Amino acid sequence: MLGRRTLARTERGRLCDTALETGPDAPTLCGDWDVRTLLAHLLVRERSPIAATGISVGPLAPLTEKAMEKYAARDFADIVETVRRARTPLALPVVDDVFNTLEFFVHHEDIRRAQPRWQPRTLTRAEESALWGSIRIGGRGLVRPAGVPVTIRRADGGATASLRRGDHPVLLTGLPSEVVLFLFGRKQTRGITLDGPEEAIEKLRAADLGL
């Protein structure tokens, strides 16, 4: 059980622990970002709201990159501990659940699954359910680029949720944790199945999913 500690907070701590284990120069699944750069991204997102607008607004990307470079230049141990402390408005309990559950889970896996011989983690039922609750809402925007109807189904119980309505949807089945990673555009997933019209499945596979 998560108890009073949210999955967002738990994954924040786990991400920081993993970052220290892998080191600053280890690769991630985020293109050419190493672990240091990924953590700098998290700091900009939480602590530099003006610079963070460039994460989603292309013309402002140079502002984000400059802020990331500033954070990345700091001592690595200090970067990790600043991320871990989470003393920002985005880390307030209710806000944390909404904005950080998927962010920190996905980026933790971005570090883990970029390393040699990675293996999926076994999450608790409560943790999988927390991810399911988040992706049922957040997944609606993630599948939009595919332009096809999509329904997700839990492999550990059968619950379903429609992310994009329409006739003959693609049925995406897997553990909630793996469904999250697939919908964020990560190819390093396990146990995912896709059923439905072949053309729609191909469009979903080829789409630029994620944020």
N, C-alpha and C. Protein backbone atom coordinates (compact mmCIF):
# COMPACT_ATOMS: atom_id res chain seq x y z
N MET A 1 0.84 -1.19 0.00
CA MET A 1 0.00 0.00 0.00
C MET A 1 0.88 1.25 0.00
N LEU A 2 0.41 2.32 -0.67
CA LEU A 2 1.15 3.56 -0.68
C LEU A 2 0.98 4.33 0.63
N GLY A 3 -0.14 4.09 1.31
CA GLY A 3 -0.40 4.83 2.52
C GLY A 3 -0.54 6.31 2.21
N ARG A 4 0.04 7.16 3.05
CA ARG A 4 -0.07 8.61 2.86
C ARG A 4 0.99 9.12 1.89
N ARG A 5 1.89 8.30 1.49
CA ARG A 5 2.95 8.71 0.57
C ARG A 5 2.50 8.41 -0.85
N THR A 6 2.36 9.45 -1.68
CA THR A 6 1.86 9.25 -3.03
C THR A 6 2.90 8.57 -3.90
N LEU A 7 2.43 7.98 -5.00
CA LEU A 7 3.36 7.36 -5.94
C LEU A 7 4.29 8.41 -6.54
N ALA A 8 3.78 9.62 -6.76
CA ALA A 8 4.64 10.68 -7.30
C ALA A 8 5.83 10.91 -6.38
N ARG A 9 5.57 10.99 -5.10
CA ARG A 9 6.65 11.23 -4.13
C ARG A 9 7.58 10.02 -4.06
N THR A 10 7.00 8.84 -4.07
CA THR A 10 7.81 7.62 -4.01
C THR A 10 8.72 7.51 -5.22
N GLU A 11 8.17 7.75 -6.42
CA GLU A 11 8.97 7.65 -7.64
C GLU A 11 10.03 8.75 -7.70
N ARG A 12 9.75 9.90 -7.14
CA ARG A 12 10.77 10.96 -7.08
C ARG A 12 12.00 10.44 -6.32
N GLY A 13 11.76 9.85 -5.16
CA GLY A 13 12.87 9.32 -4.38
C GLY A 13 13.59 8.18 -5.09
N ARG A 14 12.82 7.29 -5.71
CA ARG A 14 13.43 6.17 -6.43
C ARG A 14 14.26 6.66 -7.62
N LEU A 15 13.73 7.65 -8.33
CA LEU A 15 14.49 8.22 -9.46
C LEU A 15 15.82 8.77 -8.98
N CYS A 16 15.79 9.50 -7.86
CA CYS A 16 17.03 10.07 -7.34
C CYS A 16 18.02 8.99 -6.92
N ASP A 17 17.52 7.94 -6.30
CA ASP A 17 18.39 6.82 -5.91
C ASP A 17 19.03 6.18 -7.14
N THR A 18 18.22 5.96 -8.16
CA THR A 18 18.73 5.34 -9.39
C THR A 18 19.74 6.25 -10.09
N ALA A 19 19.48 7.56 -10.08
CA ALA A 19 20.41 8.50 -10.69
C ALA A 19 21.78 8.44 -10.02
N LEU A 20 21.79 8.34 -8.71
CA LEU A 20 23.06 8.24 -8.00
C LEU A 20 23.78 6.93 -8.32
N GLU A 21 23.00 5.86 -8.50
CA GLU A 21 23.59 4.56 -8.82
C GLU A 21 24.20 4.56 -10.22
N THR A 22 23.50 5.13 -11.20
CA THR A 22 23.98 5.10 -12.58
C THR A 22 25.05 6.14 -12.85
N GLY A 23 24.95 7.28 -12.16
CA GLY A 23 25.90 8.36 -12.38
C GLY A 23 25.40 9.36 -13.41
N PRO A 24 26.01 10.54 -13.46
CA PRO A 24 25.50 11.64 -14.30
C PRO A 24 25.62 11.41 -15.79
N ASP A 25 26.56 10.57 -16.20
CA ASP A 25 26.82 10.41 -17.64
C ASP A 25 26.11 9.22 -18.26
N ALA A 26 25.33 8.50 -17.48
CA ALA A 26 24.62 7.34 -18.00
C ALA A 26 23.55 7.78 -19.00
N PRO A 27 23.25 6.95 -19.99
CA PRO A 27 22.24 7.32 -21.00
C PRO A 27 20.84 7.23 -20.43
N THR A 28 19.89 7.84 -21.13
CA THR A 28 18.47 7.72 -20.82
C THR A 28 17.73 7.43 -22.11
N LEU A 29 16.43 7.22 -22.01
CA LEU A 29 15.62 7.02 -23.21
C LEU A 29 15.17 8.33 -23.83
N CYS A 30 15.63 9.44 -23.29
CA CYS A 30 15.23 10.77 -23.79
C CYS A 30 16.25 11.29 -24.81
N GLY A 31 16.31 10.63 -25.93
CA GLY A 31 17.22 11.08 -26.99
C GLY A 31 18.67 11.09 -26.54
N ASP A 32 19.33 12.25 -26.71
CA ASP A 32 20.75 12.33 -26.34
C ASP A 32 20.95 12.85 -24.92
N TRP A 33 19.88 12.95 -24.14
CA TRP A 33 20.04 13.38 -22.75
C TRP A 33 20.70 12.29 -21.93
N ASP A 34 21.69 12.69 -21.12
CA ASP A 34 22.20 11.78 -20.10
C ASP A 34 21.44 12.04 -18.81
N VAL A 35 21.80 11.35 -17.73
CA VAL A 35 21.06 11.47 -16.47
C VAL A 35 21.15 12.89 -15.93
N ARG A 36 22.31 13.51 -16.03
CA ARG A 36 22.46 14.88 -15.55
C ARG A 36 21.48 15.81 -16.27
N THR A 37 21.38 15.68 -17.58
CA THR A 37 20.50 16.55 -18.36
C THR A 37 19.05 16.30 -18.03
N LEU A 38 18.68 15.05 -17.83
CA LEU A 38 17.30 14.72 -17.48
C LEU A 38 16.91 15.36 -16.15
N LEU A 39 17.80 15.29 -15.17
CA LEU A 39 17.49 15.90 -13.88
C LEU A 39 17.43 17.43 -14.00
N ALA A 40 18.27 18.00 -14.87
CA ALA A 40 18.20 19.45 -15.10
C ALA A 40 16.84 19.81 -15.69
N HIS A 41 16.32 18.97 -16.57
CA HIS A 41 14.98 19.18 -17.12
C HIS A 41 13.93 19.20 -16.01
N LEU A 42 14.02 18.27 -15.07
CA LEU A 42 13.07 18.22 -13.98
C LEU A 42 13.14 19.47 -13.11
N LEU A 43 14.35 20.00 -12.91
CA LEU A 43 14.50 21.20 -12.10
C LEU A 43 13.91 22.42 -12.81
N VAL A 44 14.14 22.53 -14.10
CA VAL A 44 13.56 23.64 -14.85
C VAL A 44 12.04 23.57 -14.79
N ARG A 45 11.51 22.39 -14.99
CA ARG A 45 10.05 22.20 -14.98
C ARG A 45 9.44 22.65 -13.67
N GLU A 46 10.11 22.37 -12.55
CA GLU A 46 9.54 22.66 -11.25
C GLU A 46 9.92 24.03 -10.68
N ARG A 47 11.12 24.51 -11.02
CA ARG A 47 11.64 25.67 -10.32
C ARG A 47 11.82 26.91 -11.20
N SER A 48 11.64 26.78 -12.50
CA SER A 48 11.79 27.93 -13.40
C SER A 48 10.58 28.01 -14.31
N PRO A 49 9.44 28.47 -13.80
CA PRO A 49 8.19 28.42 -14.57
C PRO A 49 8.24 29.17 -15.90
N ILE A 50 8.96 30.27 -15.96
CA ILE A 50 9.04 31.01 -17.22
C ILE A 50 9.85 30.21 -18.23
N ALA A 51 11.01 29.73 -17.82
CA ALA A 51 11.85 28.93 -18.73
C ALA A 51 11.16 27.64 -19.12
N ALA A 52 10.34 27.08 -18.22
CA ALA A 52 9.67 25.80 -18.48
C ALA A 52 8.66 25.89 -19.60
N THR A 53 8.20 27.10 -19.94
CA THR A 53 7.23 27.21 -21.03
C THR A 53 7.80 26.71 -22.34
N GLY A 54 9.12 26.74 -22.48
CA GLY A 54 9.75 26.26 -23.70
C GLY A 54 9.69 24.75 -23.87
N ILE A 55 9.30 24.03 -22.82
CA ILE A 55 9.16 22.58 -22.93
C ILE A 55 8.04 22.23 -23.90
N SER A 56 6.98 23.05 -23.89
CA SER A 56 5.84 22.78 -24.76
C SER A 56 5.62 23.83 -25.84
N VAL A 57 6.31 24.96 -25.75
CA VAL A 57 6.17 26.03 -26.74
C VAL A 57 7.49 26.15 -27.51
N GLY A 58 7.49 25.61 -28.72
CA GLY A 58 8.71 25.49 -29.51
C GLY A 58 9.57 26.74 -29.60
N PRO A 59 9.00 27.90 -29.93
CA PRO A 59 9.82 29.11 -30.08
C PRO A 59 10.56 29.52 -28.80
N LEU A 60 10.09 29.05 -27.66
CA LEU A 60 10.73 29.39 -26.39
C LEU A 60 11.72 28.32 -25.93
N ALA A 61 11.95 27.31 -26.75
CA ALA A 61 12.86 26.22 -26.37
C ALA A 61 14.25 26.71 -25.99
N PRO A 62 14.82 27.71 -26.68
CA PRO A 62 16.15 28.19 -26.27
C PRO A 62 16.20 28.67 -24.83
N LEU A 63 15.09 29.25 -24.35
CA LEU A 63 15.02 29.70 -22.96
C LEU A 63 15.12 28.50 -22.02
N THR A 64 14.43 27.44 -22.37
CA THR A 64 14.48 26.22 -21.56
C THR A 64 15.88 25.62 -21.57
N GLU A 65 16.48 25.55 -22.74
CA GLU A 65 17.81 24.96 -22.88
C GLU A 65 18.85 25.73 -22.06
N LYS A 66 18.75 27.06 -22.07
CA LYS A 66 19.69 27.88 -21.30
C LYS A 66 19.55 27.61 -19.81
N ALA A 67 18.30 27.51 -19.35
CA ALA A 67 18.06 27.23 -17.93
C ALA A 67 18.54 25.83 -17.56
N MET A 68 18.34 24.87 -18.45
CA MET A 68 18.82 23.50 -18.20
C MET A 68 20.34 23.47 -18.09
N GLU A 69 21.01 24.20 -18.95
CA GLU A 69 22.48 24.25 -18.91
C GLU A 69 22.96 24.81 -17.58
N LYS A 70 22.25 25.80 -17.07
CA LYS A 70 22.62 26.40 -15.79
C LYS A 70 22.49 25.39 -14.66
N TYR A 71 21.38 24.67 -14.63
CA TYR A 71 21.20 23.66 -13.59
C TYR A 71 22.19 22.51 -13.76
N ALA A 72 22.41 22.10 -14.99
CA ALA A 72 23.30 20.96 -15.25
C ALA A 72 24.74 21.24 -14.85
N ALA A 73 25.13 22.50 -14.78
CA ALA A 73 26.51 22.86 -14.43
C ALA A 73 26.78 22.69 -12.94
N ARG A 74 25.76 22.49 -12.14
CA ARG A 74 25.94 22.34 -10.71
C ARG A 74 26.52 20.97 -10.37
N ASP A 75 27.02 20.84 -9.16
CA ASP A 75 27.51 19.54 -8.68
C ASP A 75 26.40 18.51 -8.78
N PHE A 76 26.73 17.32 -9.28
CA PHE A 76 25.68 16.33 -9.54
C PHE A 76 24.95 15.92 -8.27
N ALA A 77 25.66 15.72 -7.19
CA ALA A 77 25.00 15.34 -5.94
C ALA A 77 24.01 16.42 -5.49
N ASP A 78 24.36 17.68 -5.71
CA ASP A 78 23.47 18.77 -5.36
C ASP A 78 22.23 18.77 -6.26
N ILE A 79 22.42 18.49 -7.54
CA ILE A 79 21.28 18.41 -8.47
C ILE A 79 20.30 17.35 -7.97
N VAL A 80 20.82 16.18 -7.65
CA VAL A 80 19.96 15.07 -7.21
C VAL A 80 19.20 15.44 -5.95
N GLU A 81 19.90 16.01 -4.97
CA GLU A 81 19.24 16.34 -3.71
C GLU A 81 18.24 17.47 -3.87
N THR A 82 18.46 18.37 -4.81
CA THR A 82 17.48 19.44 -5.06
C THR A 82 16.21 18.85 -5.66
N VAL A 83 16.35 17.90 -6.57
CA VAL A 83 15.18 17.21 -7.10
C VAL A 83 14.47 16.45 -5.99
N ARG A 84 15.23 15.79 -5.14
CA ARG A 84 14.64 14.96 -4.09
C ARG A 84 13.84 15.80 -3.08
N ARG A 85 14.32 17.00 -2.76
CA ARG A 85 13.67 17.82 -1.71
C ARG A 85 12.27 18.25 -2.11
N ALA A 86 12.03 18.49 -3.37
CA ALA A 86 10.67 18.76 -3.89
C ALA A 86 9.99 19.92 -3.19
N ARG A 87 10.72 20.98 -2.89
CA ARG A 87 10.12 22.13 -2.22
C ARG A 87 9.65 23.15 -3.26
N THR A 88 8.63 22.77 -4.01
CA THR A 88 8.06 23.63 -5.03
C THR A 88 6.55 23.50 -5.01
N PRO A 89 5.81 24.45 -5.60
CA PRO A 89 4.35 24.32 -5.64
C PRO A 89 3.88 23.04 -6.31
N LEU A 90 4.64 22.54 -7.30
CA LEU A 90 4.23 21.32 -7.98
C LEU A 90 4.31 20.09 -7.08
N ALA A 91 4.98 20.22 -5.94
CA ALA A 91 5.11 19.08 -5.04
C ALA A 91 4.08 19.09 -3.91
N LEU A 92 3.18 20.07 -3.90
CA LEU A 92 2.10 20.05 -2.93
C LEU A 92 1.23 18.81 -3.18
N PRO A 93 0.72 18.15 -2.12
CA PRO A 93 0.11 16.82 -2.27
C PRO A 93 -0.86 16.64 -3.43
N VAL A 94 -1.90 17.48 -3.52
CA VAL A 94 -2.89 17.28 -4.58
C VAL A 94 -2.28 17.58 -5.95
N VAL A 95 -1.51 18.66 -6.03
CA VAL A 95 -0.85 19.03 -7.28
C VAL A 95 0.15 17.95 -7.68
N ASP A 96 0.84 17.41 -6.70
CA ASP A 96 1.84 16.37 -6.94
C ASP A 96 1.21 15.17 -7.64
N ASP A 97 0.05 14.73 -7.16
CA ASP A 97 -0.64 13.58 -7.77
C ASP A 97 -0.96 13.85 -9.23
N VAL A 98 -1.47 15.04 -9.51
CA VAL A 98 -1.94 15.36 -10.85
C VAL A 98 -0.79 15.54 -11.83
N PHE A 99 0.23 16.28 -11.44
CA PHE A 99 1.27 16.69 -12.37
C PHE A 99 2.53 15.83 -12.35
N ASN A 100 2.74 15.07 -11.27
CA ASN A 100 4.03 14.40 -11.13
C ASN A 100 4.00 12.88 -11.15
N THR A 101 2.84 12.27 -10.98
CA THR A 101 2.80 10.80 -10.95
C THR A 101 3.39 10.20 -12.22
N LEU A 102 2.87 10.60 -13.36
CA LEU A 102 3.36 10.06 -14.63
C LEU A 102 4.76 10.60 -14.95
N GLU A 103 4.99 11.87 -14.66
CA GLU A 103 6.29 12.49 -14.98
C GLU A 103 7.44 11.73 -14.33
N PHE A 104 7.33 11.48 -13.04
CA PHE A 104 8.44 10.86 -12.34
C PHE A 104 8.52 9.36 -12.59
N PHE A 105 7.38 8.71 -12.77
CA PHE A 105 7.45 7.28 -13.12
C PHE A 105 8.13 7.10 -14.47
N VAL A 106 7.68 7.85 -15.48
CA VAL A 106 8.23 7.68 -16.83
C VAL A 106 9.71 8.04 -16.86
N HIS A 107 10.09 9.14 -16.23
CA HIS A 107 11.51 9.53 -16.28
C HIS A 107 12.38 8.59 -15.45
N HIS A 108 11.82 8.01 -14.38
CA HIS A 108 12.59 6.99 -13.67
C HIS A 108 12.87 5.81 -14.59
N GLU A 109 11.83 5.38 -15.32
CA GLU A 109 12.04 4.28 -16.25
C GLU A 109 12.93 4.68 -17.43
N ASP A 110 12.92 5.96 -17.79
CA ASP A 110 13.84 6.43 -18.84
C ASP A 110 15.28 6.17 -18.46
N ILE A 111 15.58 6.30 -17.18
CA ILE A 111 16.94 5.99 -16.71
C ILE A 111 17.14 4.49 -16.63
N ARG A 112 16.23 3.79 -15.97
CA ARG A 112 16.37 2.35 -15.75
C ARG A 112 16.49 1.58 -17.06
N ARG A 113 15.57 1.86 -18.01
CA ARG A 113 15.47 1.03 -19.21
C ARG A 113 16.49 1.39 -20.28
N ALA A 114 17.26 2.43 -20.05
CA ALA A 114 18.35 2.75 -20.96
C ALA A 114 19.64 2.03 -20.57
N GLN A 115 19.63 1.35 -19.43
CA GLN A 115 20.83 0.67 -18.96
C GLN A 115 20.86 -0.78 -19.47
N PRO A 116 22.05 -1.34 -19.63
CA PRO A 116 22.14 -2.73 -20.10
C PRO A 116 21.45 -3.70 -19.14
N ARG A 117 20.83 -4.70 -19.71
CA ARG A 117 20.22 -5.79 -18.94
C ARG A 117 19.15 -5.31 -17.96
N TRP A 118 18.41 -4.27 -18.35
CA TRP A 118 17.32 -3.81 -17.49
C TRP A 118 16.23 -4.87 -17.45
N GLN A 119 15.47 -4.86 -16.38
CA GLN A 119 14.32 -5.74 -16.22
C GLN A 119 13.15 -4.92 -15.68
N PRO A 120 11.92 -5.25 -16.05
CA PRO A 120 10.77 -4.53 -15.49
C PRO A 120 10.72 -4.70 -13.97
N ARG A 121 10.26 -3.68 -13.30
CA ARG A 121 10.05 -3.78 -11.86
C ARG A 121 8.69 -4.42 -11.58
N THR A 122 8.56 -5.00 -10.40
CA THR A 122 7.26 -5.48 -9.93
C THR A 122 6.69 -4.42 -9.00
N LEU A 123 5.66 -3.72 -9.47
CA LEU A 123 5.01 -2.71 -8.66
C LEU A 123 3.87 -3.33 -7.86
N THR A 124 3.50 -2.68 -6.78
CA THR A 124 2.38 -3.16 -6.00
C THR A 124 1.07 -2.89 -6.74
N ARG A 125 0.03 -3.56 -6.31
CA ARG A 125 -1.30 -3.33 -6.90
C ARG A 125 -1.71 -1.86 -6.75
N ALA A 126 -1.41 -1.28 -5.58
CA ALA A 126 -1.77 0.12 -5.35
C ALA A 126 -1.00 1.04 -6.28
N GLU A 127 0.26 0.72 -6.54
CA GLU A 127 1.06 1.55 -7.44
C GLU A 127 0.56 1.45 -8.88
N GLU A 128 0.24 0.22 -9.31
CA GLU A 128 -0.31 0.06 -10.65
C GLU A 128 -1.65 0.81 -10.77
N SER A 129 -2.45 0.77 -9.72
CA SER A 129 -3.74 1.45 -9.76
C SER A 129 -3.58 2.96 -9.80
N ALA A 130 -2.56 3.48 -9.13
CA ALA A 130 -2.29 4.92 -9.19
C ALA A 130 -1.92 5.33 -10.61
N LEU A 131 -1.11 4.52 -11.28
CA LEU A 131 -0.75 4.81 -12.67
C LEU A 131 -1.97 4.70 -13.58
N TRP A 132 -2.81 3.71 -13.33
CA TRP A 132 -4.03 3.53 -14.13
C TRP A 132 -4.93 4.75 -14.00
N GLY A 133 -5.11 5.23 -12.78
CA GLY A 133 -5.94 6.40 -12.58
C GLY A 133 -5.41 7.62 -13.30
N SER A 134 -4.10 7.77 -13.35
CA SER A 134 -3.50 8.92 -14.02
C SER A 134 -3.57 8.80 -15.54
N ILE A 135 -3.31 7.60 -16.07
CA ILE A 135 -3.27 7.47 -17.53
C ILE A 135 -4.66 7.47 -18.14
N ARG A 136 -5.68 7.11 -17.38
CA ARG A 136 -7.06 7.20 -17.89
C ARG A 136 -7.40 8.62 -18.29
N ILE A 137 -6.81 9.60 -17.60
CA ILE A 137 -7.04 11.01 -17.92
C ILE A 137 -5.94 11.53 -18.85
N GLY A 138 -4.70 11.35 -18.44
CA GLY A 138 -3.58 11.89 -19.20
C GLY A 138 -3.41 11.26 -20.57
N GLY A 139 -3.88 10.02 -20.72
CA GLY A 139 -3.69 9.32 -21.99
C GLY A 139 -4.51 9.88 -23.13
N ARG A 140 -5.53 10.65 -22.82
CA ARG A 140 -6.40 11.17 -23.87
C ARG A 140 -5.63 12.09 -24.81
N GLY A 141 -4.78 12.92 -24.26
CA GLY A 141 -3.98 13.80 -25.10
C GLY A 141 -2.83 13.07 -25.76
N LEU A 142 -2.34 12.02 -25.12
CA LEU A 142 -1.18 11.30 -25.64
C LEU A 142 -1.49 10.56 -26.94
N VAL A 143 -2.73 10.06 -27.10
CA VAL A 143 -3.06 9.28 -28.29
C VAL A 143 -3.56 10.15 -29.44
N ARG A 144 -3.76 11.43 -29.19
CA ARG A 144 -4.33 12.29 -30.23
C ARG A 144 -3.54 12.25 -31.54
N PRO A 145 -2.21 12.24 -31.51
CA PRO A 145 -1.47 12.23 -32.78
C PRO A 145 -1.76 11.02 -33.67
N ALA A 146 -2.21 9.91 -33.09
CA ALA A 146 -2.48 8.71 -33.88
C ALA A 146 -3.74 8.87 -34.72
N GLY A 147 -4.70 9.65 -34.23
CA GLY A 147 -5.93 9.88 -34.97
C GLY A 147 -6.84 8.68 -35.10
N VAL A 148 -6.70 7.72 -34.19
CA VAL A 148 -7.56 6.52 -34.23
C VAL A 148 -8.18 6.31 -32.85
N PRO A 149 -9.34 5.63 -32.80
CA PRO A 149 -9.93 5.32 -31.49
C PRO A 149 -9.04 4.36 -30.72
N VAL A 150 -8.92 4.61 -29.42
CA VAL A 150 -8.05 3.76 -28.58
C VAL A 150 -8.74 3.48 -27.26
N THR A 151 -8.76 2.21 -26.88
CA THR A 151 -9.22 1.77 -25.57
C THR A 151 -8.07 1.05 -24.88
N ILE A 152 -7.86 1.33 -23.60
CA ILE A 152 -6.83 0.63 -22.85
C ILE A 152 -7.47 -0.36 -21.90
N ARG A 153 -6.77 -1.47 -21.65
CA ARG A 153 -7.29 -2.51 -20.75
C ARG A 153 -6.18 -2.99 -19.83
N ARG A 154 -6.51 -3.12 -18.55
CA ARG A 154 -5.54 -3.63 -17.59
C ARG A 154 -5.36 -5.14 -17.76
N ALA A 155 -4.12 -5.58 -17.87
CA ALA A 155 -3.84 -7.00 -17.96
C ALA A 155 -3.96 -7.69 -16.61
N ASP A 156 -4.00 -6.91 -15.54
CA ASP A 156 -4.06 -7.49 -14.20
C ASP A 156 -5.45 -7.41 -13.58
N GLY A 157 -6.48 -7.35 -14.43
CA GLY A 157 -7.82 -7.31 -13.88
C GLY A 157 -8.91 -7.10 -14.90
N GLY A 158 -8.56 -6.56 -16.05
CA GLY A 158 -9.52 -6.44 -17.12
C GLY A 158 -10.26 -5.13 -17.22
N ALA A 159 -10.05 -4.19 -16.28
CA ALA A 159 -10.71 -2.89 -16.36
C ALA A 159 -10.30 -2.18 -17.65
N THR A 160 -11.25 -1.45 -18.25
CA THR A 160 -10.97 -0.75 -19.50
C THR A 160 -11.29 0.74 -19.36
N ALA A 161 -10.70 1.51 -20.26
CA ALA A 161 -10.98 2.95 -20.32
C ALA A 161 -10.81 3.39 -21.76
N SER A 162 -11.72 4.21 -22.24
CA SER A 162 -11.64 4.74 -23.60
C SER A 162 -10.86 6.05 -23.59
N LEU A 163 -9.78 6.09 -24.37
CA LEU A 163 -8.98 7.31 -24.46
C LEU A 163 -9.41 8.18 -25.65
N ARG A 164 -9.87 7.53 -26.70
CA ARG A 164 -10.38 8.25 -27.87
C ARG A 164 -11.52 7.43 -28.44
N ARG A 165 -12.72 7.98 -28.44
CA ARG A 165 -13.89 7.22 -28.83
C ARG A 165 -13.99 7.10 -30.35
N GLY A 166 -14.69 6.06 -30.77
CA GLY A 166 -14.91 5.82 -32.19
C GLY A 166 -15.18 4.35 -32.43
N ASP A 167 -15.62 4.04 -33.64
CA ASP A 167 -15.89 2.66 -34.00
C ASP A 167 -14.59 1.88 -34.18
N HIS A 168 -14.63 0.61 -33.79
CA HIS A 168 -13.51 -0.31 -34.00
C HIS A 168 -12.19 0.24 -33.44
N PRO A 169 -12.15 0.49 -32.14
CA PRO A 169 -10.92 1.05 -31.55
C PRO A 169 -9.80 0.02 -31.48
N VAL A 170 -8.59 0.52 -31.39
CA VAL A 170 -7.45 -0.32 -31.04
C VAL A 170 -7.55 -0.61 -29.55
N LEU A 171 -7.44 -1.88 -29.18
CA LEU A 171 -7.46 -2.27 -27.78
C LEU A 171 -6.02 -2.51 -27.33
N LEU A 172 -5.54 -1.65 -26.46
CA LEU A 172 -4.18 -1.71 -25.94
C LEU A 172 -4.22 -2.34 -24.56
N THR A 173 -3.61 -3.52 -24.41
CA THR A 173 -3.67 -4.27 -23.16
C THR A 173 -2.28 -4.43 -22.57
N GLY A 174 -2.19 -4.25 -21.27
CA GLY A 174 -0.93 -4.45 -20.56
C GLY A 174 -1.09 -4.04 -19.12
N LEU A 175 -0.06 -4.26 -18.32
CA LEU A 175 -0.05 -3.70 -16.98
C LEU A 175 -0.11 -2.18 -17.11
N PRO A 176 -0.77 -1.49 -16.19
CA PRO A 176 -0.82 -0.03 -16.29
C PRO A 176 0.53 0.62 -16.46
N SER A 177 1.55 0.12 -15.79
CA SER A 177 2.89 0.70 -15.91
C SER A 177 3.42 0.60 -17.33
N GLU A 178 3.16 -0.53 -18.00
CA GLU A 178 3.64 -0.71 -19.37
C GLU A 178 2.78 0.09 -20.35
N VAL A 179 1.48 0.19 -20.08
CA VAL A 179 0.60 1.01 -20.91
C VAL A 179 1.06 2.46 -20.86
N VAL A 180 1.39 2.96 -19.68
CA VAL A 180 1.88 4.33 -19.53
C VAL A 180 3.10 4.56 -20.41
N LEU A 181 4.05 3.66 -20.33
CA LEU A 181 5.29 3.84 -21.10
C LEU A 181 5.03 3.79 -22.60
N PHE A 182 4.16 2.89 -23.03
CA PHE A 182 3.82 2.81 -24.46
C PHE A 182 3.20 4.13 -24.92
N LEU A 183 2.27 4.67 -24.13
CA LEU A 183 1.57 5.88 -24.53
C LEU A 183 2.45 7.12 -24.45
N PHE A 184 3.54 7.03 -23.72
CA PHE A 184 4.53 8.11 -23.72
C PHE A 184 5.59 7.91 -24.79
N GLY A 185 5.35 6.96 -25.68
CA GLY A 185 6.23 6.79 -26.83
C GLY A 185 7.48 5.99 -26.59
N ARG A 186 7.54 5.29 -25.47
CA ARG A 186 8.73 4.48 -25.19
C ARG A 186 8.57 3.11 -25.85
N LYS A 187 9.61 2.67 -26.52
CA LYS A 187 9.58 1.38 -27.22
C LYS A 187 9.99 0.23 -26.31
N GLN A 188 10.67 0.54 -25.21
CA GLN A 188 11.17 -0.50 -24.30
C GLN A 188 10.07 -0.89 -23.32
N THR A 189 9.10 -1.66 -23.81
CA THR A 189 7.99 -2.11 -22.98
C THR A 189 7.94 -3.64 -23.01
N ARG A 190 7.20 -4.20 -22.06
CA ARG A 190 7.03 -5.65 -21.98
C ARG A 190 5.55 -5.98 -21.81
N GLY A 191 5.10 -7.03 -22.51
CA GLY A 191 3.77 -7.57 -22.30
C GLY A 191 2.63 -6.76 -22.88
N ILE A 192 2.92 -5.85 -23.79
CA ILE A 192 1.87 -5.05 -24.43
C ILE A 192 1.29 -5.81 -25.62
N THR A 193 -0.05 -5.82 -25.74
CA THR A 193 -0.69 -6.39 -26.93
C THR A 193 -1.62 -5.35 -27.53
N LEU A 194 -1.74 -5.38 -28.86
CA LEU A 194 -2.61 -4.48 -29.59
C LEU A 194 -3.56 -5.31 -30.44
N ASP A 195 -4.85 -5.06 -30.28
CA ASP A 195 -5.87 -5.77 -31.05
C ASP A 195 -6.79 -4.75 -31.71
N GLY A 196 -7.29 -5.13 -32.90
CA GLY A 196 -8.19 -4.23 -33.62
C GLY A 196 -7.83 -4.17 -35.09
N PRO A 197 -8.39 -3.21 -35.83
CA PRO A 197 -8.08 -3.09 -37.25
C PRO A 197 -6.58 -2.87 -37.48
N GLU A 198 -6.01 -3.62 -38.40
CA GLU A 198 -4.57 -3.57 -38.62
C GLU A 198 -4.10 -2.17 -39.00
N GLU A 199 -4.88 -1.49 -39.83
CA GLU A 199 -4.48 -0.15 -40.25
C GLU A 199 -4.43 0.80 -39.05
N ALA A 200 -5.40 0.69 -38.16
CA ALA A 200 -5.42 1.55 -36.98
C ALA A 200 -4.26 1.21 -36.04
N ILE A 201 -3.95 -0.07 -35.91
CA ILE A 201 -2.81 -0.47 -35.07
C ILE A 201 -1.52 0.12 -35.61
N GLU A 202 -1.34 0.07 -36.92
CA GLU A 202 -0.12 0.61 -37.52
C GLU A 202 -0.03 2.12 -37.32
N LYS A 203 -1.15 2.81 -37.40
CA LYS A 203 -1.15 4.25 -37.16
C LYS A 203 -0.76 4.56 -35.72
N LEU A 204 -1.27 3.75 -34.79
CA LEU A 204 -0.92 3.96 -33.38
C LEU A 204 0.56 3.70 -33.15
N ARG A 205 1.07 2.62 -33.73
CA ARG A 205 2.49 2.29 -33.57
C ARG A 205 3.39 3.37 -34.16
N ALA A 206 2.97 3.94 -35.28
CA ALA A 206 3.81 4.90 -35.99
C ALA A 206 3.68 6.33 -35.47
N ALA A 207 2.68 6.59 -34.64
CA ALA A 207 2.41 7.94 -34.19
C ALA A 207 3.49 8.44 -33.25
N ASP A 208 3.65 9.74 -33.22
CA ASP A 208 4.59 10.39 -32.32
C ASP A 208 3.87 10.59 -30.99
N LEU A 209 3.82 9.53 -30.19
CA LEU A 209 3.10 9.55 -28.93
C LEU A 209 3.92 10.27 -27.86
N GLY A 210 3.23 10.68 -26.83
CA GLY A 210 3.93 11.33 -25.72
C GLY A 210 3.83 12.82 -25.80
N LEU A 211 4.61 13.49 -24.91
CA LEU A 211 4.56 14.94 -24.82
C LEU A 211 5.79 15.55 -25.48
